[in-house]
Each structure stands twice: as structure tokens, then as C-alpha cells.
Amino acid sequence: MKQIVFALMSAAAFCSGASAADLPARKAPAPHVAPLFAWTGSYVGVNAGYAWGDDRTLENVDVNSTVIPGFSRSLDGFDFLRNSNGASFTGGAQIGYNYQIGSIVLGLEADINYVGLKTTYAAGGDRFGLYHDVLSAENHVEWFGTVRPRLGFVATDRLMIFATGGLAYGQVKTQAGINDYDYATGARLAGINGSESDTRTGYTVGGGAEYALTDNLTIKCEYAYVDLGSRSHRFYDNDASYPGAGLFVTAKDQANFHLVRAGVNYKF
């Protein structure tokens, strides 16, 4: 009897081992691989930064006459000159579209921005110990926008380095004038003053880097140079301070500036 029980137990153990050996081996699960980030798609965003002007954004400020032959008084001939090169906060919004081909990203972006960039000149001189003349001018870039293609290179999965350039436009206001004051009392005696504001077009070039924080949120940092061109202005003696002299003030401005800014984009 003992032999029969032992045989049955041995057979059961053998069958159990054979059944386990016949089962297929379990494979370890494959590691999860995150999908590569795709830059293709449209986006909107906001930006903020710092803008500053070139060294000379106003030049050739003179007083001339349509009646007196050869009459001209230049700002450079006055006793002193102060040049204030403006710097300003800038901020705005952008919209764009990217299309990725391998490691290359082709894009188009448009933005509109506030900027309060001012450059001022002031010069003074005394005449005959009787009069004190002040010649002044101001150039003010009030806002600007750009429309430009972007060419990007995907350095890593989520980091893109890009170059950009295209059309720039903006509002520029120029003021210029000369005012005469009594040397003894300081009372204003006469003056010529005028201002002109216009929307101009020009160009912009720059570059930067953009990084994808998530599949929908990216951050960027970029530099740009904006040139809205130069323009000459002529302001006449509109209050007849110098009757019969036909005096007018001329001023030539150069509206160009640099900016660095950071931005956040939401990708659809």
C-alpha cells in the first residue's frame, strides 16, 4: 500500500513539473518610450522685454528761412547739446504656424507690440546778451509690429534654435522747434514748434531659441533689430513769431532700435 501511495505522489509531482515546463516563458514588459515632440501646428502667445535706440536717432536739426538768403542756424553751432538715448519696456502678442520636416522647422509669425522709445535733443545758445535760444527735437516710437518667416533647427527633442527676419511697421512721432527767451527775465518771446506722426514700414532681423515645456506650452527668448527708416520734417513758423522772415525748422529722424524679449506660446 505504501508503495502505491508513493508512486501516485511521484507521478503527480512529475506531471506538475512537466506541465509547468510546457508553458511559454513570460517576457518582461518593454520600456515605455515617450513620443518625440512635434513642432508642426499653429500657436498664439504673449511677449515682454526691453528695447533701446541707436546712438543717433535725430540729426540735422536746423533753422532756415524761405525769405532771407543763406540764413541757417544749426543745432551743432549752439553752446551745448544734450542727447538722451531712450530705452523702454516693450510687450505684445504673437500668432504663428510651424511646419517640421525632420530637424528643420519652417514657420511664419506676426506680432504687435507696445514700445515707448524716445530720443531727445536739446541745445541752447545766447545772442548779444539779450536772448537765450533753445533748439529741441524728439523722436518717439509708440508701437510696432512685424510679419516674418522663421527658420528653425531642432537641436534636441524639445529645443529649437531659429533665425527670423521680414517686414516691420510702426508709429513714429517727431517733434522739433526753437524758442527764444528774454535773457534777463526768462520770458518766452517767440518760437517755432511742430510735430508729425506717421505709420512707417521697414525691416527686422533676429534670432533666438524656443523650448517645449509640455506638448502644448513653449517658452522662447529672442533678439531683434528693427529699422523703420528715416524721414525729414519741416515745421514752419505757425504763430507768426518772426513776421516776414519765412523761418522754419527742419529735422531728420532715424527710427531704429534693438530689443530682447521673452515669450510664452500655446500650441494647438
Foldseek 3Di string as FASTA:
>chain_A
DVVVVVVVVVVVVVVVVVVVVPDDDDDDDDDDDDDFFFQFFKKKWKKKWKKWADPAFKDFKWKDFPFDPPDIDTLVPFDDKDKDTWMWIKMWMKIKGWDDDPQKIKMKMKIKMFTFGKMKMWGWHDDPLFKIKIKMKMKTWGIKMFIKMKIWGRPDRFKIKIKIKDKMKTKMKMKIKMWMATNPPRHTQAMWIDMDMDMFMDMKIWIWMKGDPDSFKIKIKMKMKDWRAKDKDKTWRPVCSPPPRRMIIMMMGTDIMMIIMMMMMTGD
